[in-house]
N, C-alpha and C. Protein backbone atom coordinates (compact mmCIF):
# COMPACT_ATOMS: atom_id res chain seq x y z
N MET A 1 46.18 50.37 -3.88
CA MET A 1 45.81 51.46 -3.02
C MET A 1 45.87 50.97 -1.58
N THR A 2 46.54 51.74 -0.74
CA THR A 2 46.62 51.42 0.67
C THR A 2 45.99 52.54 1.48
N LEU A 3 45.07 52.18 2.35
CA LEU A 3 44.40 53.17 3.18
C LEU A 3 45.17 53.39 4.47
N SER A 4 45.17 54.63 4.93
CA SER A 4 45.80 54.95 6.21
C SER A 4 44.95 54.33 7.32
N PRO A 5 45.51 54.18 8.51
CA PRO A 5 44.72 53.66 9.63
C PRO A 5 43.47 54.52 9.90
N THR A 6 43.58 55.82 9.75
CA THR A 6 42.42 56.69 9.95
C THR A 6 41.36 56.41 8.90
N ASP A 7 41.77 56.26 7.65
CA ASP A 7 40.82 55.95 6.58
C ASP A 7 40.19 54.57 6.78
N GLN A 8 40.99 53.61 7.22
CA GLN A 8 40.47 52.26 7.50
C GLN A 8 39.40 52.33 8.58
N SER A 9 39.66 53.12 9.60
CA SER A 9 38.73 53.27 10.71
C SER A 9 37.42 53.93 10.25
N ARG A 10 37.55 54.97 9.44
CA ARG A 10 36.35 55.65 8.92
C ARG A 10 35.54 54.72 8.02
N LEU A 11 36.22 53.97 7.19
CA LEU A 11 35.53 53.03 6.30
C LEU A 11 34.82 51.94 7.11
N ALA A 12 35.48 51.44 8.13
CA ALA A 12 34.87 50.42 8.99
C ALA A 12 33.64 50.98 9.71
N GLU A 13 33.70 52.21 10.16
CA GLU A 13 32.55 52.83 10.82
C GLU A 13 31.39 52.99 9.85
N LEU A 14 31.67 53.43 8.63
CA LEU A 14 30.61 53.53 7.63
C LEU A 14 30.00 52.16 7.33
N GLU A 15 30.84 51.16 7.30
CA GLU A 15 30.36 49.80 7.04
C GLU A 15 29.44 49.33 8.17
N ARG A 16 29.83 49.60 9.43
CA ARG A 16 28.98 49.23 10.57
C ARG A 16 27.65 49.97 10.51
N LEU A 17 27.68 51.26 10.19
CA LEU A 17 26.45 52.03 10.10
C LEU A 17 25.53 51.49 9.00
N ALA A 18 26.11 51.18 7.86
CA ALA A 18 25.31 50.67 6.74
C ALA A 18 24.70 49.32 7.07
N GLU A 19 25.44 48.47 7.77
CA GLU A 19 24.93 47.14 8.13
C GLU A 19 23.76 47.24 9.11
N ARG A 20 23.76 48.26 9.95
CA ARG A 20 22.71 48.40 10.97
C ARG A 20 21.49 49.18 10.47
N ALA A 21 21.61 49.88 9.37
CA ALA A 21 20.51 50.69 8.85
C ALA A 21 19.43 49.80 8.24
N THR A 22 18.25 50.35 8.09
CA THR A 22 17.15 49.65 7.44
C THR A 22 17.61 49.22 6.04
N PRO A 23 17.49 47.95 5.70
CA PRO A 23 17.98 47.47 4.41
C PRO A 23 17.10 47.90 3.23
N GLY A 24 17.64 47.73 2.05
CA GLY A 24 16.89 47.96 0.83
C GLY A 24 17.05 49.35 0.26
N GLU A 25 16.36 49.55 -0.85
CA GLU A 25 16.37 50.85 -1.52
C GLU A 25 15.49 51.83 -0.74
N TRP A 26 15.92 53.07 -0.66
CA TRP A 26 15.13 54.13 -0.04
C TRP A 26 14.72 55.10 -1.13
N GLU A 27 13.61 55.79 -0.94
CA GLU A 27 13.17 56.78 -1.92
C GLU A 27 12.58 57.99 -1.20
N VAL A 28 12.42 59.06 -1.94
CA VAL A 28 11.88 60.31 -1.40
C VAL A 28 10.43 60.45 -1.83
N VAL A 29 9.59 60.81 -0.88
CA VAL A 29 8.20 61.15 -1.20
C VAL A 29 7.92 62.53 -0.61
N SER A 30 7.03 63.27 -1.25
CA SER A 30 6.79 64.63 -0.80
C SER A 30 5.68 64.73 0.24
N ASP A 31 5.03 63.63 0.55
CA ASP A 31 3.95 63.63 1.54
C ASP A 31 4.04 62.35 2.34
N ASN A 32 4.18 62.47 3.65
CA ASN A 32 4.35 61.27 4.47
C ASN A 32 3.03 60.61 4.87
N GLY A 33 1.92 61.11 4.36
CA GLY A 33 0.63 60.49 4.61
C GLY A 33 0.01 60.83 5.95
N THR A 34 0.57 61.78 6.67
CA THR A 34 0.00 62.18 7.95
C THR A 34 -0.87 63.42 7.75
N MET A 35 -1.46 63.89 8.82
CA MET A 35 -2.30 65.09 8.76
C MET A 35 -1.49 66.33 8.34
N ILE A 36 -0.20 66.31 8.63
CA ILE A 36 0.68 67.44 8.27
C ILE A 36 1.64 66.94 7.20
N PRO A 37 1.33 67.20 5.91
CA PRO A 37 2.20 66.72 4.84
C PRO A 37 3.62 67.27 4.98
N GLN A 38 4.57 66.40 4.83
CA GLN A 38 5.97 66.81 4.88
C GLN A 38 6.80 65.80 4.10
N PRO A 39 7.88 66.26 3.51
CA PRO A 39 8.72 65.34 2.75
C PRO A 39 9.41 64.35 3.67
N CYS A 40 9.64 63.14 3.15
CA CYS A 40 10.32 62.14 3.95
C CYS A 40 11.02 61.12 3.04
N VAL A 41 11.88 60.33 3.66
CA VAL A 41 12.57 59.23 3.00
C VAL A 41 11.92 57.95 3.50
N ILE A 42 11.55 57.05 2.58
CA ILE A 42 10.88 55.81 2.95
C ILE A 42 11.63 54.60 2.40
N ASP A 43 11.36 53.43 3.00
CA ASP A 43 11.95 52.20 2.46
C ASP A 43 10.94 51.52 1.54
N LYS A 44 11.26 50.32 1.07
CA LYS A 44 10.41 49.64 0.10
C LYS A 44 9.06 49.22 0.67
N TYR A 45 8.93 49.24 1.99
CA TYR A 45 7.65 48.90 2.62
C TYR A 45 6.84 50.14 2.99
N GLN A 46 7.29 51.31 2.52
CA GLN A 46 6.65 52.59 2.80
C GLN A 46 6.83 53.03 4.26
N THR A 47 7.80 52.44 4.94
CA THR A 47 8.12 52.84 6.31
C THR A 47 8.93 54.13 6.24
N ILE A 48 8.57 55.11 7.05
CA ILE A 48 9.30 56.37 7.06
C ILE A 48 10.65 56.16 7.73
N ILE A 49 11.71 56.48 6.99
CA ILE A 49 13.08 56.41 7.52
C ILE A 49 13.39 57.71 8.24
N CYS A 50 13.06 58.83 7.62
CA CYS A 50 13.24 60.14 8.25
C CYS A 50 12.41 61.20 7.55
N ASN A 51 12.07 62.22 8.31
CA ASN A 51 11.42 63.41 7.75
C ASN A 51 12.50 64.45 7.54
N VAL A 52 12.38 65.23 6.49
CA VAL A 52 13.37 66.26 6.18
C VAL A 52 12.62 67.59 6.16
N LEU A 53 12.90 68.43 7.14
CA LEU A 53 12.09 69.63 7.34
C LEU A 53 12.91 70.92 7.34
N GLU A 54 13.51 71.26 6.27
CA GLU A 54 14.18 72.54 6.17
C GLU A 54 14.15 73.03 4.74
N ASP A 55 14.69 74.20 4.50
CA ASP A 55 14.57 74.85 3.20
C ASP A 55 15.08 74.01 2.03
N ASN A 56 16.14 73.29 2.21
CA ASN A 56 16.75 72.53 1.13
C ASN A 56 16.35 71.06 1.21
N TRP A 57 15.11 70.80 1.58
CA TRP A 57 14.68 69.43 1.88
C TRP A 57 14.84 68.48 0.71
N ASP A 58 14.55 68.94 -0.51
CA ASP A 58 14.57 68.03 -1.65
C ASP A 58 15.96 67.46 -1.89
N ALA A 59 16.96 68.32 -1.97
CA ALA A 59 18.33 67.86 -2.20
C ALA A 59 18.83 67.01 -1.03
N ASN A 60 18.52 67.41 0.19
CA ASN A 60 18.97 66.65 1.35
C ASN A 60 18.30 65.29 1.43
N ALA A 61 17.00 65.25 1.18
CA ALA A 61 16.28 63.97 1.21
C ALA A 61 16.81 63.03 0.13
N ARG A 62 17.08 63.57 -1.05
CA ARG A 62 17.60 62.73 -2.13
C ARG A 62 18.99 62.18 -1.79
N LEU A 63 19.82 62.99 -1.14
CA LEU A 63 21.14 62.51 -0.72
C LEU A 63 21.00 61.40 0.32
N ILE A 64 20.12 61.58 1.29
CA ILE A 64 19.91 60.56 2.32
C ILE A 64 19.45 59.26 1.67
N ALA A 65 18.46 59.34 0.79
CA ALA A 65 17.94 58.14 0.13
C ALA A 65 19.01 57.46 -0.72
N ALA A 66 19.75 58.24 -1.49
CA ALA A 66 20.78 57.67 -2.37
C ALA A 66 21.93 57.04 -1.57
N SER A 67 22.21 57.60 -0.40
CA SER A 67 23.34 57.10 0.38
C SER A 67 23.12 55.66 0.85
N ARG A 68 21.86 55.24 0.99
CA ARG A 68 21.58 53.88 1.45
C ARG A 68 22.17 52.84 0.51
N SER A 69 22.13 53.11 -0.77
CA SER A 69 22.71 52.19 -1.76
C SER A 69 24.15 52.55 -2.09
N ALA A 70 24.44 53.85 -2.07
CA ALA A 70 25.77 54.31 -2.48
C ALA A 70 26.85 53.93 -1.49
N ILE A 71 26.58 54.03 -0.21
CA ILE A 71 27.62 53.76 0.79
C ILE A 71 28.11 52.31 0.71
N PRO A 72 27.24 51.31 0.73
CA PRO A 72 27.75 49.93 0.59
C PRO A 72 28.51 49.71 -0.72
N TRP A 73 28.00 50.30 -1.82
CA TRP A 73 28.68 50.16 -3.11
C TRP A 73 30.07 50.79 -3.04
N LEU A 74 30.18 51.98 -2.47
CA LEU A 74 31.47 52.66 -2.37
C LEU A 74 32.44 51.88 -1.48
N ILE A 75 31.94 51.30 -0.41
CA ILE A 75 32.80 50.51 0.47
C ILE A 75 33.36 49.31 -0.30
N GLN A 76 32.52 48.61 -1.04
CA GLN A 76 32.99 47.48 -1.84
C GLN A 76 34.00 47.93 -2.88
N TRP A 77 33.76 49.07 -3.50
CA TRP A 77 34.68 49.59 -4.51
C TRP A 77 36.04 49.91 -3.90
N VAL A 78 36.06 50.56 -2.75
CA VAL A 78 37.33 50.88 -2.08
C VAL A 78 38.04 49.60 -1.68
N ARG A 79 37.30 48.63 -1.13
CA ARG A 79 37.92 47.35 -0.74
C ARG A 79 38.53 46.64 -1.96
N ARG A 80 37.82 46.69 -3.10
CA ARG A 80 38.33 46.08 -4.33
C ARG A 80 39.61 46.78 -4.79
N LEU A 81 39.61 48.11 -4.77
CA LEU A 81 40.82 48.85 -5.15
C LEU A 81 41.97 48.55 -4.22
N GLU A 82 41.66 48.44 -2.95
CA GLU A 82 42.69 48.13 -1.96
C GLU A 82 43.28 46.75 -2.23
N LYS A 83 42.42 45.78 -2.54
CA LYS A 83 42.87 44.42 -2.85
C LYS A 83 43.74 44.38 -4.10
N GLU A 84 43.30 45.12 -5.13
CA GLU A 84 44.07 45.19 -6.38
C GLU A 84 45.43 45.81 -6.14
N GLY A 85 45.50 46.80 -5.25
CA GLY A 85 46.76 47.44 -4.92
C GLY A 85 47.72 46.54 -4.19
N GLU A 86 47.17 45.51 -3.55
CA GLU A 86 48.00 44.55 -2.83
C GLU A 86 48.41 43.38 -3.71
N GLY A 87 48.03 43.44 -4.98
CA GLY A 87 48.39 42.37 -5.90
C GLY A 87 47.33 41.31 -6.06
N GLY A 88 46.17 41.52 -5.44
CA GLY A 88 45.08 40.57 -5.59
C GLY A 88 44.34 40.80 -6.89
N GLU A 89 43.45 39.90 -7.22
CA GLU A 89 42.63 39.93 -8.44
C GLU A 89 43.46 40.14 -9.67
């Protein structure tokens, strides 16, 4: 598999974003522990990564939390496919 220059650039940007984000697994909680309960995404230390405040909060929060692990995994998978396409592995 060979990526176009545009795809390479997008993949590299996702990789930079993932490297700079708070590390570890993220999860969704329905109450952020403040006086005004609201759903949020937290890291393994219970640090709030983001609050999600709209009608479709559950699905959006779950996507945000899942993306923390999924994006690095997908980048590695694409890189592996790219390497295999070049005759590696």
